C-alpha atoms as a PDB file:
ATOM      1  CA  MET A   1      -8.289  -0.249 -13.278  1.00  0.00           C
ATOM      2  CA  LYS A   2     -10.714   0.899 -10.529  1.00  0.00           C
ATOM      3  CA  LYS A   3      -9.762   3.858  -8.540  1.00  0.00           C
ATOM      4  CA  ILE A   4      -7.482   3.176  -5.591  1.00  0.00           C
ATOM      5  CA  GLU A   5      -8.955   4.635  -2.392  1.00  0.00           C
ATOM      6  CA  LEU A   6      -6.697   5.041   0.536  1.00  0.00           C
ATOM      7  CA  SER A   7      -7.730   6.558   3.838  1.00  0.00           C
ATOM      8  CA  ALA A   8      -5.493   9.125   5.593  1.00  0.00           C
ATOM      9  CA  ASP A   9      -4.645   6.509   8.104  1.00  0.00           C
ATOM     10  CA  GLU A  10      -3.749   4.004   5.415  1.00  0.00           C
ATOM     11  CA  ILE A  11      -1.443   6.724   3.745  1.00  0.00           C
ATOM     12  CA  LYS A  12       0.154   7.380   7.171  1.00  0.00           C
ATOM     13  CA  VAL A  13       1.000   3.719   7.813  1.00  0.00           C
ATOM     14  CA  ILE A  14       2.221   3.266   4.206  1.00  0.00           C
ATOM     15  CA  LYS A  15       4.668   6.092   4.592  1.00  0.00           C
ATOM     16  CA  GLN A  16       5.776   4.760   8.109  1.00  0.00           C
ATOM     17  CA  GLN A  17       6.320   1.339   6.717  1.00  0.00           C
ATOM     18  CA  LEU A  18       8.258   2.659   3.667  1.00  0.00           C
ATOM     19  CA  ASN A  19      10.432   4.741   5.883  1.00  0.00           C
ATOM     20  CA  GLY A  20      11.222   1.733   8.019  1.00  0.00           C
ATOM     21  CA  GLU A  21       9.412   3.301  11.079  1.00  0.00           C
ATOM     22  CA  ILE A  22       7.103   0.168  11.515  1.00  0.00           C
ATOM     23  CA  GLU A  23       6.797  -3.316  10.319  1.00  0.00           C
ATOM     24  CA  VAL A  24       3.705  -5.552  10.826  1.00  0.00           C
ATOM     25  CA  TRP A  25       5.378  -7.376  13.746  1.00  0.00           C
ATOM     26  CA  ASN A  26       6.071  -4.158  15.731  1.00  0.00           C
ATOM     27  CA  ALA A  27       3.092  -2.155  14.853  1.00  0.00           C
ATOM     28  CA  THR A  28       0.245  -1.142  17.096  1.00  0.00           C
ATOM     29  CA  ASP A  29      -3.062  -2.964  16.734  1.00  0.00           C
ATOM     30  CA  GLU A  30      -4.330   0.152  14.986  1.00  0.00           C
ATOM     31  CA  GLN A  31      -1.331   0.376  12.644  1.00  0.00           C
ATOM     32  CA  GLN A  32      -1.676  -3.362  11.960  1.00  0.00           C
ATOM     33  CA  LYS A  33      -5.391  -2.952  11.013  1.00  0.00           C
ATOM     34  CA  HIS A  34      -4.437  -0.340   8.348  1.00  0.00           C
ATOM     35  CA  LEU A  35      -1.469  -2.239   7.174  1.00  0.00           C
ATOM     36  CA  THR A  36      -3.681  -5.262   6.624  1.00  0.00           C
ATOM     37  CA  SER A  37      -6.149  -3.242   4.760  1.00  0.00           C
ATOM     38  CA  VAL A  38      -3.380  -1.787   2.483  1.00  0.00           C
ATOM     39  CA  ILE A  39      -2.114  -5.396   1.817  1.00  0.00           C
ATOM     40  CA  ASP A  40      -5.584  -6.548   1.033  1.00  0.00           C
ATOM     41  CA  LYS A  41      -6.071  -3.692  -1.444  1.00  0.00           C
ATOM     42  CA  ALA A  42      -2.684  -4.501  -2.994  1.00  0.00           C
ATOM     43  CA  GLU A  43      -3.589  -8.114  -3.469  1.00  0.00           C
ATOM     44  CA  ALA A  44      -6.967  -7.331  -5.020  1.00  0.00           C
ATOM     45  CA  LEU A  45      -5.381  -4.811  -7.458  1.00  0.00           C
ATOM     46  CA  LEU A  46      -2.694  -7.333  -8.416  1.00  0.00           C
ATOM     47  CA  ASP A  47      -5.281  -9.858  -9.155  1.00  0.00           C
ATOM     48  CA  GLU A  48      -7.433  -7.316 -11.070  1.00  0.00           C
ATOM     49  CA  LEU A  49      -4.387  -6.190 -13.321  1.00  0.00           C
ATOM     50  CA  ASN A  50      -2.719  -9.554 -13.311  1.00  0.00           C
ATOM     51  CA  ALA A  51       0.354  -7.478 -12.603  1.00  0.00           C
ATOM     52  CA  TYR A  52       2.452  -9.832 -10.669  1.00  0.00           C
ATOM     53  CA  ASP A  53       5.227  -9.410 -13.213  1.00  0.00           C
ATOM     54  CA  GLU A  54       5.439  -5.636 -12.018  1.00  0.00           C
ATOM     55  CA  LEU A  55       5.762  -6.605  -8.426  1.00  0.00           C
ATOM     56  CA  GLU A  56       9.401  -6.417  -7.205  1.00  0.00           C
ATOM     57  CA  GLY A  57       8.644  -7.883  -3.790  1.00  0.00           C
ATOM     58  CA  ASP A  58       7.155  -5.233  -1.939  1.00  0.00           C
ATOM     59  CA  MET A  59       3.287  -4.988  -2.337  1.00  0.00           C
ATOM     60  CA  ILE A  60       2.915  -1.975  -0.374  1.00  0.00           C
ATOM     61  CA  LEU A  61       5.454   0.045  -2.326  1.00  0.00           C
ATOM     62  CA  TRP A  62       3.940  -1.208  -5.501  1.00  0.00           C
ATOM     63  CA  LEU A  63       0.542   0.030  -4.421  1.00  0.00           C
ATOM     64  CA  TRP A  64       1.670   3.276  -3.098  1.00  0.00           C
ATOM     65  CA  ASN A  65       3.473   3.864  -6.566  1.00  0.00           C
ATOM     66  CA  LYS A  66       0.026   3.078  -8.427  1.00  0.00           C
ATOM     67  CA  TYR A  67      -1.683   5.367  -6.042  1.00  0.00           C
ATOM     68  CA  LYS A  68       0.688   8.193  -6.613  1.00  0.00           C
ATOM     69  CA  ASP A  69       0.546   7.841 -10.326  1.00  0.00           C
ATOM     70  CA  GLN A  70      -3.223   7.918 -10.090  1.00  0.00           C
ATOM     71  CA  GLU A  71      -3.323  10.984  -8.142  1.00  0.00           C
ATOM     72  CA  GLY A  72      -0.505  12.784  -9.810  1.00  0.00           C
ATOM     73  CA  ILE A  73       1.772  12.914  -6.627  1.00  0.00           C
ATOM     74  CA  THR A  74       5.360  13.547  -7.253  1.00  0.00           C
ATOM     75  CA  GLU A  75       7.542  13.347  -4.346  1.00  0.00           C
END
């Protein structure tokens, strides 16, 4: 698996989305840009790993968990 690269802005919108603070339909243009980027990265990684059986409906959460595992983040 290639390294997952997330910018500080992407991490911020991931956390906002997972906390229920934003959704794609009520996000600002800037937030939407970052959410779209995160979703694109999640789709690409799902394809690369053929990991659709791991997905439980939330691509953003799935990518975030993969990123935390990669970075050794425990929260």
